[in-house]
Amino acid sequence: MRQAMLGALILIGIATSTTVIAQTGPASEKLRRGEYLATIMDCSGCHTPGVFLGKPDMQRRLAGSEVGFQIPGLGVFFPPNLTPDKETGLGSWSEADIVKAVRQGVRPDGRTLAPVMPYHNYSRLTDADASALAAYLKSLKPIANRVPAIVGPNEKATAPYLSVVMPQ
C-alpha cells in the first residue's frame, strides 16, 4: 500500500511537473537533466505544499511545505521553497550555493541543513549533475511561499509537523 502511494505521488509529480525548458542545445539538455534529477531525487516529495497532507499542490511544485519534521533534540524543520523567488525561495542563491547545500548540507549563511535532508546521499552527485540540478531550480518560475520558521527543541510549533515517537 505504502509503495503504491509513493509510486502514485511520483507519477503525479512527473505528469504535472512544470517544465520551463523551451530552448534547444546544450543549455536545454542541462536543464532537462536537472529536471530529471529533481524528479528521481523526489525533491517535490518534501518541498511541495500539501504533499504531506495527501493533496500535493502541483501548481506550487517545489515551493516549500507547510508541514515540517520534528527531529528530537533539534526542533521542527519545514522543507523550504526551492523556487527562485527572491523573498521566500532560492532567488538570492547562486548555482554554487545550491550545489553546496545539496552536496554538503551547508547554506550560504553557513548554517547546516536539517539532517532529514539527504545531502549525505546527494554528496555523490557528479559536478555535472549537481550543476544541472542547480540550473534547473534557478530556471523555475518563482513562487512566493513563505514556509513556517524553524522551531527550536524547547519551542512550540505553530504549524503541523511529522514526528517520530518511540514506543514506551
N, C-alpha and C. Protein backbone atom coordinates (compact mmCIF):
# COMPACT_ATOMS: atom_id res chain seq x y z
N MET A 1 0.83 -1.19 0.00
CA MET A 1 0.00 0.00 0.00
C MET A 1 0.87 1.26 0.00
N ARG A 2 1.86 1.30 0.92
CA ARG A 2 2.74 2.46 1.02
C ARG A 2 3.52 2.66 -0.28
N GLN A 3 4.02 1.55 -0.87
CA GLN A 3 4.75 1.65 -2.12
C GLN A 3 3.85 2.15 -3.23
N ALA A 4 2.61 1.70 -3.26
CA ALA A 4 1.67 2.14 -4.28
C ALA A 4 1.41 3.64 -4.16
N MET A 5 1.24 4.13 -2.91
CA MET A 5 1.02 5.56 -2.70
C MET A 5 2.23 6.37 -3.12
N LEU A 6 3.42 5.90 -2.76
CA LEU A 6 4.64 6.60 -3.14
C LEU A 6 4.78 6.62 -4.66
N GLY A 7 4.51 5.49 -5.29
CA GLY A 7 4.58 5.43 -6.74
C GLY A 7 3.59 6.39 -7.39
N ALA A 8 2.39 6.48 -6.83
CA ALA A 8 1.38 7.39 -7.37
C ALA A 8 1.82 8.84 -7.23
N LEU A 9 2.40 9.18 -6.07
CA LEU A 9 2.89 10.55 -5.87
C LEU A 9 4.00 10.89 -6.85
N ILE A 10 4.89 9.96 -7.08
CA ILE A 10 5.98 10.20 -8.03
C ILE A 10 5.41 10.39 -9.43
N LEU A 11 4.45 9.54 -9.82
CA LEU A 11 3.85 9.68 -11.14
C LEU A 11 3.11 11.00 -11.28
N ILE A 12 2.42 11.43 -10.21
CA ILE A 12 1.75 12.73 -10.25
C ILE A 12 2.79 13.83 -10.46
N GLY A 13 3.91 13.73 -9.74
CA GLY A 13 4.97 14.73 -9.87
C GLY A 13 5.55 14.76 -11.27
N ILE A 14 5.73 13.60 -11.87
CA ILE A 14 6.29 13.54 -13.22
C ILE A 14 5.27 14.07 -14.22
N ALA A 15 4.02 13.66 -14.08
CA ALA A 15 3.00 14.03 -15.05
C ALA A 15 2.66 15.51 -15.00
N THR A 16 2.78 16.14 -13.82
CA THR A 16 2.36 17.53 -13.70
C THR A 16 3.52 18.48 -13.46
N SER A 17 4.74 18.00 -13.65
CA SER A 17 5.87 18.88 -13.39
C SER A 17 5.85 20.09 -14.30
N THR A 18 6.25 21.21 -13.75
CA THR A 18 6.28 22.45 -14.50
C THR A 18 7.60 22.52 -15.25
N THR A 19 7.51 22.35 -16.55
CA THR A 19 8.71 22.38 -17.38
C THR A 19 8.86 23.77 -17.96
N VAL A 20 10.02 24.36 -17.75
CA VAL A 20 10.30 25.69 -18.29
C VAL A 20 11.34 25.60 -19.38
N ILE A 21 11.58 24.41 -19.86
CA ILE A 21 12.63 24.18 -20.84
C ILE A 21 12.04 24.28 -22.24
N ALA A 22 12.34 25.37 -22.95
CA ALA A 22 11.77 25.57 -24.27
C ALA A 22 12.86 25.67 -25.35
N GLN A 23 14.05 26.07 -24.98
CA GLN A 23 15.09 26.24 -25.98
C GLN A 23 15.76 24.90 -26.32
N THR A 24 16.68 24.94 -27.26
CA THR A 24 17.40 23.73 -27.65
C THR A 24 18.89 23.94 -27.43
N GLY A 25 19.65 22.86 -27.51
CA GLY A 25 21.09 22.95 -27.38
C GLY A 25 21.57 22.49 -26.02
N PRO A 26 22.87 22.70 -25.76
CA PRO A 26 23.47 22.21 -24.51
C PRO A 26 22.80 22.77 -23.24
N ALA A 27 22.38 24.03 -23.27
CA ALA A 27 21.75 24.61 -22.07
C ALA A 27 20.44 23.89 -21.77
N SER A 28 19.65 23.60 -22.80
CA SER A 28 18.38 22.92 -22.56
C SER A 28 18.61 21.47 -22.14
N GLU A 29 19.66 20.84 -22.65
CA GLU A 29 19.99 19.47 -22.22
C GLU A 29 20.34 19.47 -20.73
N LYS A 30 21.07 20.49 -20.30
CA LYS A 30 21.44 20.60 -18.89
C LYS A 30 20.19 20.78 -18.03
N LEU A 31 19.25 21.62 -18.49
CA LEU A 31 18.02 21.83 -17.73
C LEU A 31 17.15 20.58 -17.72
N ARG A 32 17.10 19.87 -18.83
CA ARG A 32 16.34 18.60 -18.85
C ARG A 32 16.96 17.60 -17.89
N ARG A 33 18.29 17.56 -17.84
CA ARG A 33 18.97 16.67 -16.90
C ARG A 33 18.63 17.08 -15.46
N GLY A 34 18.64 18.38 -15.18
CA GLY A 34 18.29 18.87 -13.85
C GLY A 34 16.87 18.53 -13.47
N GLU A 35 15.94 18.66 -14.41
CA GLU A 35 14.55 18.30 -14.14
C GLU A 35 14.44 16.81 -13.85
N TYR A 36 15.13 16.00 -14.63
CA TYR A 36 15.15 14.55 -14.41
C TYR A 36 15.68 14.24 -13.01
N LEU A 37 16.77 14.86 -12.63
CA LEU A 37 17.36 14.61 -11.31
C LEU A 37 16.41 15.05 -10.19
N ALA A 38 15.78 16.23 -10.33
CA ALA A 38 14.83 16.69 -9.31
C ALA A 38 13.67 15.71 -9.17
N THR A 39 13.31 15.07 -10.28
CA THR A 39 12.22 14.09 -10.25
C THR A 39 12.64 12.80 -9.57
N ILE A 40 13.77 12.23 -9.98
CA ILE A 40 14.17 10.94 -9.39
C ILE A 40 14.69 11.10 -7.96
N MET A 41 15.16 12.29 -7.61
CA MET A 41 15.59 12.54 -6.23
C MET A 41 14.38 12.88 -5.35
N ASP A 42 13.21 12.98 -5.96
CA ASP A 42 11.94 13.24 -5.30
C ASP A 42 11.96 14.53 -4.48
N CYS A 43 12.52 15.59 -5.04
CA CYS A 43 12.53 16.88 -4.35
C CYS A 43 11.12 17.34 -4.02
N SER A 44 10.18 17.09 -4.94
CA SER A 44 8.80 17.52 -4.69
C SER A 44 8.14 16.72 -3.58
N GLY A 45 8.70 15.57 -3.23
CA GLY A 45 8.14 14.73 -2.17
C GLY A 45 8.23 15.37 -0.79
N CYS A 46 9.07 16.37 -0.62
CA CYS A 46 9.14 17.11 0.64
C CYS A 46 8.86 18.60 0.43
N HIS A 47 9.27 19.13 -0.71
CA HIS A 47 9.28 20.58 -0.92
C HIS A 47 8.06 21.12 -1.68
N THR A 48 6.95 20.37 -1.68
CA THR A 48 5.74 20.84 -2.36
C THR A 48 4.62 20.99 -1.35
N PRO A 49 3.93 22.14 -1.36
CA PRO A 49 2.81 22.32 -0.43
C PRO A 49 1.77 21.21 -0.60
N GLY A 50 1.22 20.76 0.52
CA GLY A 50 0.15 19.78 0.51
C GLY A 50 0.57 18.34 0.39
N VAL A 51 1.82 18.07 0.07
CA VAL A 51 2.23 16.69 -0.17
C VAL A 51 2.07 15.82 1.07
N PHE A 52 2.37 16.34 2.24
CA PHE A 52 2.26 15.54 3.47
C PHE A 52 0.82 15.45 3.97
N LEU A 53 -0.07 16.21 3.36
CA LEU A 53 -1.48 16.17 3.72
C LEU A 53 -2.28 15.36 2.70
N GLY A 54 -1.57 14.74 1.77
CA GLY A 54 -2.21 13.89 0.78
C GLY A 54 -2.81 14.63 -0.40
N LYS A 55 -2.56 15.94 -0.49
CA LYS A 55 -3.10 16.74 -1.58
C LYS A 55 -2.01 17.66 -2.11
N PRO A 56 -1.02 17.10 -2.84
CA PRO A 56 0.06 17.95 -3.34
C PRO A 56 -0.46 19.03 -4.29
N ASP A 57 -0.04 20.25 -4.05
CA ASP A 57 -0.42 21.39 -4.89
C ASP A 57 0.62 21.54 -5.98
N MET A 58 0.42 20.84 -7.10
CA MET A 58 1.42 20.83 -8.16
C MET A 58 1.49 22.15 -8.92
N GLN A 59 0.56 23.06 -8.67
CA GLN A 59 0.68 24.41 -9.23
C GLN A 59 1.77 25.19 -8.49
N ARG A 60 2.12 24.70 -7.28
CA ARG A 60 3.19 25.34 -6.49
C ARG A 60 4.30 24.32 -6.20
N ARG A 61 4.56 23.47 -7.16
CA ARG A 61 5.58 22.43 -7.03
C ARG A 61 6.92 23.05 -6.61
N LEU A 62 7.52 22.46 -5.61
CA LEU A 62 8.84 22.84 -5.07
C LEU A 62 8.83 24.18 -4.33
N ALA A 63 7.65 24.68 -3.97
CA ALA A 63 7.56 25.98 -3.30
C ALA A 63 7.61 25.87 -1.77
N GLY A 64 7.97 24.71 -1.23
CA GLY A 64 8.11 24.57 0.21
C GLY A 64 6.88 23.96 0.85
N SER A 65 7.05 23.40 2.03
CA SER A 65 5.96 22.70 2.71
C SER A 65 5.51 23.41 3.97
N GLU A 66 4.20 23.33 4.19
CA GLU A 66 3.60 23.87 5.40
C GLU A 66 3.62 22.86 6.54
N VAL A 67 4.10 21.65 6.27
CA VAL A 67 4.22 20.59 7.27
C VAL A 67 5.71 20.30 7.46
N GLY A 68 6.15 20.27 8.70
CA GLY A 68 7.56 20.08 8.99
C GLY A 68 7.89 18.70 9.54
N PHE A 69 9.15 18.56 9.93
CA PHE A 69 9.68 17.34 10.54
C PHE A 69 10.23 17.70 11.91
N GLN A 70 9.82 16.96 12.93
CA GLN A 70 10.41 17.16 14.25
C GLN A 70 11.59 16.22 14.38
N ILE A 71 12.72 16.77 14.77
CA ILE A 71 13.91 15.96 14.99
C ILE A 71 14.24 16.10 16.47
N PRO A 72 14.14 14.99 17.21
CA PRO A 72 14.35 15.05 18.66
C PRO A 72 15.66 15.76 19.02
N GLY A 73 15.55 16.70 19.94
CA GLY A 73 16.71 17.44 20.42
C GLY A 73 17.12 18.59 19.52
N LEU A 74 16.56 18.69 18.31
CA LEU A 74 16.94 19.76 17.38
C LEU A 74 15.81 20.73 17.09
N GLY A 75 14.59 20.23 17.02
CA GLY A 75 13.45 21.11 16.73
C GLY A 75 12.63 20.62 15.56
N VAL A 76 11.84 21.55 15.01
CA VAL A 76 10.97 21.27 13.87
C VAL A 76 11.46 22.07 12.68
N PHE A 77 11.64 21.37 11.57
CA PHE A 77 12.17 21.97 10.35
C PHE A 77 11.15 21.82 9.23
N PHE A 78 10.95 22.88 8.45
CA PHE A 78 9.99 22.88 7.36
C PHE A 78 10.74 22.93 6.03
N PRO A 79 10.46 21.99 5.12
CA PRO A 79 11.14 21.99 3.83
C PRO A 79 10.95 23.33 3.11
N PRO A 80 12.05 23.99 2.77
CA PRO A 80 11.96 25.35 2.22
C PRO A 80 11.52 25.39 0.75
N ASN A 81 11.22 26.59 0.34
CA ASN A 81 10.86 26.91 -1.04
C ASN A 81 12.11 26.80 -1.91
N LEU A 82 12.06 25.94 -2.92
CA LEU A 82 13.21 25.75 -3.82
C LEU A 82 13.08 26.53 -5.12
N THR A 83 12.01 27.31 -5.26
CA THR A 83 11.88 28.12 -6.48
C THR A 83 12.75 29.36 -6.33
N PRO A 84 13.04 30.06 -7.43
CA PRO A 84 13.93 31.23 -7.34
C PRO A 84 13.25 32.52 -6.89
N ASP A 85 12.21 32.41 -6.07
CA ASP A 85 11.59 33.62 -5.52
C ASP A 85 12.61 34.31 -4.62
N LYS A 86 12.80 35.61 -4.82
CA LYS A 86 13.84 36.34 -4.08
C LYS A 86 13.52 36.50 -2.59
N GLU A 87 12.25 36.58 -2.23
CA GLU A 87 11.87 36.80 -0.83
C GLU A 87 11.73 35.51 -0.03
N THR A 88 11.19 34.46 -0.65
CA THR A 88 10.85 33.26 0.11
C THR A 88 11.55 32.00 -0.39
N GLY A 89 12.32 32.10 -1.45
CA GLY A 89 12.95 30.92 -2.03
C GLY A 89 14.44 31.08 -2.22
N LEU A 90 14.95 30.47 -3.27
CA LEU A 90 16.39 30.45 -3.55
C LEU A 90 16.83 31.57 -4.50
N GLY A 91 16.01 32.59 -4.66
CA GLY A 91 16.30 33.66 -5.62
C GLY A 91 17.62 34.37 -5.43
N SER A 92 18.08 34.48 -4.19
CA SER A 92 19.36 35.17 -3.96
C SER A 92 20.54 34.19 -3.90
N TRP A 93 20.26 32.89 -4.05
CA TRP A 93 21.32 31.89 -4.03
C TRP A 93 21.90 31.73 -5.42
N SER A 94 23.20 31.57 -5.50
CA SER A 94 23.85 31.26 -6.78
C SER A 94 23.74 29.76 -7.04
N GLU A 95 24.05 29.35 -8.26
CA GLU A 95 24.08 27.91 -8.54
C GLU A 95 25.10 27.22 -7.64
N ALA A 96 26.23 27.88 -7.37
CA ALA A 96 27.25 27.29 -6.48
C ALA A 96 26.71 27.13 -5.07
N ASP A 97 25.89 28.10 -4.61
CA ASP A 97 25.26 27.99 -3.28
C ASP A 97 24.35 26.77 -3.21
N ILE A 98 23.57 26.57 -4.28
CA ILE A 98 22.64 25.44 -4.31
C ILE A 98 23.41 24.13 -4.32
N VAL A 99 24.46 24.06 -5.13
CA VAL A 99 25.29 22.85 -5.20
C VAL A 99 25.87 22.53 -3.82
N LYS A 100 26.38 23.53 -3.14
CA LYS A 100 26.97 23.31 -1.81
C LYS A 100 25.92 22.81 -0.82
N ALA A 101 24.72 23.38 -0.87
CA ALA A 101 23.66 22.94 0.03
C ALA A 101 23.24 21.51 -0.26
N VAL A 102 23.08 21.18 -1.54
CA VAL A 102 22.63 19.84 -1.93
C VAL A 102 23.68 18.79 -1.60
N ARG A 103 24.95 19.09 -1.84
CA ARG A 103 26.00 18.09 -1.67
C ARG A 103 26.63 18.08 -0.29
N GLN A 104 26.67 19.25 0.38
CA GLN A 104 27.35 19.33 1.67
C GLN A 104 26.43 19.68 2.83
N GLY A 105 25.20 20.08 2.50
CA GLY A 105 24.26 20.44 3.56
C GLY A 105 24.56 21.76 4.22
N VAL A 106 25.20 22.68 3.50
CA VAL A 106 25.57 23.98 4.07
C VAL A 106 24.93 25.09 3.26
N ARG A 107 24.19 25.95 3.97
CA ARG A 107 23.54 27.10 3.35
C ARG A 107 24.55 28.22 3.11
N PRO A 108 24.21 29.22 2.28
CA PRO A 108 25.13 30.34 2.06
C PRO A 108 25.50 31.09 3.34
N ASP A 109 24.59 31.09 4.35
CA ASP A 109 24.89 31.78 5.61
C ASP A 109 25.70 30.92 6.57
N GLY A 110 26.09 29.71 6.12
CA GLY A 110 26.94 28.84 6.92
C GLY A 110 26.19 27.84 7.79
N ARG A 111 24.88 27.98 7.92
CA ARG A 111 24.11 27.04 8.73
C ARG A 111 24.03 25.68 8.03
N THR A 112 23.98 24.63 8.83
CA THR A 112 23.85 23.28 8.30
C THR A 112 22.37 22.96 8.12
N LEU A 113 22.05 22.30 7.02
CA LEU A 113 20.66 21.91 6.78
C LEU A 113 20.24 20.84 7.78
N ALA A 114 18.94 20.71 7.96
CA ALA A 114 18.39 19.70 8.86
C ALA A 114 18.82 18.31 8.39
N PRO A 115 19.09 17.41 9.32
CA PRO A 115 19.55 16.07 8.95
C PRO A 115 18.55 15.27 8.13
N VAL A 116 17.29 15.68 8.11
CA VAL A 116 16.31 14.97 7.29
C VAL A 116 16.58 15.18 5.79
N MET A 117 17.27 16.26 5.44
CA MET A 117 17.67 16.50 4.06
C MET A 117 18.80 15.51 3.73
N PRO A 118 18.61 14.68 2.71
CA PRO A 118 19.59 13.61 2.44
C PRO A 118 20.85 14.08 1.69
N TYR A 119 21.45 15.17 2.15
CA TYR A 119 22.63 15.69 1.46
C TYR A 119 23.81 14.71 1.53
N HIS A 120 23.83 13.84 2.53
CA HIS A 120 24.91 12.85 2.57
C HIS A 120 24.84 11.94 1.35
N ASN A 121 23.62 11.56 0.96
CA ASN A 121 23.46 10.74 -0.25
C ASN A 121 23.74 11.56 -1.51
N TYR A 122 23.28 12.81 -1.51
CA TYR A 122 23.45 13.66 -2.69
C TYR A 122 24.89 14.14 -2.85
N SER A 123 25.71 13.93 -1.84
CA SER A 123 27.12 14.33 -1.96
C SER A 123 27.82 13.57 -3.07
N ARG A 124 27.24 12.46 -3.49
CA ARG A 124 27.83 11.64 -4.55
C ARG A 124 27.44 12.09 -5.95
N LEU A 125 26.63 13.15 -6.06
CA LEU A 125 26.32 13.68 -7.38
C LEU A 125 27.60 14.12 -8.08
N THR A 126 27.68 13.88 -9.37
CA THR A 126 28.83 14.38 -10.12
C THR A 126 28.73 15.91 -10.19
N ASP A 127 29.82 16.55 -10.52
CA ASP A 127 29.80 18.00 -10.69
C ASP A 127 28.76 18.40 -11.73
N ALA A 128 28.73 17.67 -12.84
CA ALA A 128 27.79 17.99 -13.93
C ALA A 128 26.34 17.84 -13.46
N ASP A 129 26.05 16.77 -12.73
CA ASP A 129 24.68 16.57 -12.26
C ASP A 129 24.28 17.60 -11.21
N ALA A 130 25.17 17.90 -10.28
CA ALA A 130 24.86 18.91 -9.26
C ALA A 130 24.61 20.27 -9.92
N SER A 131 25.41 20.60 -10.91
CA SER A 131 25.24 21.85 -11.64
C SER A 131 23.92 21.86 -12.42
N ALA A 132 23.56 20.74 -13.02
CA ALA A 132 22.30 20.64 -13.77
C ALA A 132 21.11 20.82 -12.84
N LEU A 133 21.16 20.20 -11.68
CA LEU A 133 20.07 20.33 -10.71
C LEU A 133 19.93 21.79 -10.28
N ALA A 134 21.03 22.43 -9.95
CA ALA A 134 21.00 23.83 -9.53
C ALA A 134 20.48 24.73 -10.65
N ALA A 135 20.93 24.50 -11.87
CA ALA A 135 20.46 25.31 -13.01
C ALA A 135 18.96 25.14 -13.21
N TYR A 136 18.49 23.91 -13.07
CA TYR A 136 17.06 23.65 -13.21
C TYR A 136 16.28 24.42 -12.15
N LEU A 137 16.69 24.33 -10.89
CA LEU A 137 15.97 25.04 -9.83
C LEU A 137 15.96 26.54 -10.08
N LYS A 138 17.08 27.08 -10.57
CA LYS A 138 17.15 28.51 -10.87
C LYS A 138 16.26 28.88 -12.05
N SER A 139 15.94 27.91 -12.92
CA SER A 139 15.14 28.19 -14.12
C SER A 139 13.63 28.16 -13.87
N LEU A 140 13.23 27.67 -12.71
CA LEU A 140 11.80 27.56 -12.42
C LEU A 140 11.14 28.92 -12.29
N LYS A 141 9.84 28.94 -12.47
CA LYS A 141 9.06 30.15 -12.23
C LYS A 141 9.10 30.44 -10.73
N PRO A 142 9.47 31.65 -10.32
CA PRO A 142 9.47 31.98 -8.89
C PRO A 142 8.05 31.92 -8.32
N ILE A 143 7.91 31.30 -7.17
CA ILE A 143 6.62 31.21 -6.48
C ILE A 143 6.82 31.73 -5.07
N ALA A 144 6.09 32.77 -4.72
CA ALA A 144 6.17 33.32 -3.37
C ALA A 144 5.42 32.39 -2.41
N ASN A 145 6.15 31.79 -1.49
CA ASN A 145 5.54 30.91 -0.48
C ASN A 145 6.49 30.83 0.71
N ARG A 146 6.17 31.57 1.74
CA ARG A 146 6.99 31.55 2.95
C ARG A 146 6.56 30.37 3.82
N VAL A 147 7.49 29.47 4.09
CA VAL A 147 7.17 28.31 4.94
C VAL A 147 7.34 28.74 6.40
N PRO A 148 6.73 27.99 7.32
CA PRO A 148 6.89 28.33 8.74
C PRO A 148 8.37 28.33 9.15
N ALA A 149 8.68 29.13 10.12
CA ALA A 149 10.06 29.23 10.61
C ALA A 149 10.45 27.97 11.38
N ILE A 150 11.74 27.71 11.40
CA ILE A 150 12.29 26.62 12.21
C ILE A 150 11.94 26.87 13.67
N VAL A 151 11.62 25.81 14.37
CA VAL A 151 11.26 25.90 15.79
C VAL A 151 12.30 25.11 16.58
N GLY A 152 12.88 25.73 17.58
CA GLY A 152 13.88 25.06 18.41
C GLY A 152 13.28 23.92 19.24
N PRO A 153 14.14 23.09 19.83
CA PRO A 153 13.67 21.90 20.56
C PRO A 153 12.79 22.21 21.77
N ASN A 154 12.92 23.39 22.34
CA ASN A 154 12.12 23.75 23.52
C ASN A 154 11.04 24.77 23.20
N GLU A 155 10.78 24.97 21.91
CA GLU A 155 9.77 25.92 21.48
C GLU A 155 8.53 25.17 20.97
N LYS A 156 7.41 25.87 20.95
CA LYS A 156 6.17 25.26 20.50
C LYS A 156 5.95 25.59 19.02
N ALA A 157 5.72 24.55 18.23
CA ALA A 157 5.46 24.73 16.80
C ALA A 157 4.09 25.35 16.60
N THR A 158 3.97 26.21 15.58
CA THR A 158 2.69 26.85 15.27
C THR A 158 2.09 26.29 13.99
N ALA A 159 2.74 25.31 13.40
CA ALA A 159 2.27 24.66 12.18
C ALA A 159 2.41 23.16 12.36
N PRO A 160 1.68 22.37 11.57
CA PRO A 160 1.75 20.91 11.72
C PRO A 160 3.14 20.37 11.38
N TYR A 161 3.47 19.23 11.99
CA TYR A 161 4.75 18.59 11.72
C TYR A 161 4.65 17.10 11.94
N LEU A 162 5.55 16.38 11.28
CA LEU A 162 5.67 14.93 11.45
C LEU A 162 6.66 14.68 12.57
N SER A 163 6.42 13.60 13.33
CA SER A 163 7.28 13.30 14.45
C SER A 163 7.50 11.80 14.55
N VAL A 164 8.65 11.40 15.03
CA VAL A 164 8.93 10.01 15.33
C VAL A 164 8.69 9.82 16.81
N VAL A 165 7.84 8.87 17.15
CA VAL A 165 7.52 8.61 18.55
C VAL A 165 8.04 7.23 18.89
N MET A 166 8.90 7.16 19.87
CA MET A 166 9.46 5.88 20.29
C MET A 166 8.46 5.14 21.16
N PRO A 167 8.32 3.84 20.99
CA PRO A 167 7.37 3.08 21.80
C PRO A 167 7.79 3.11 23.27
N GLN A 168 6.81 3.10 24.13
CA GLN A 168 7.07 3.15 25.58
C GLN A 168 7.21 1.76 26.13
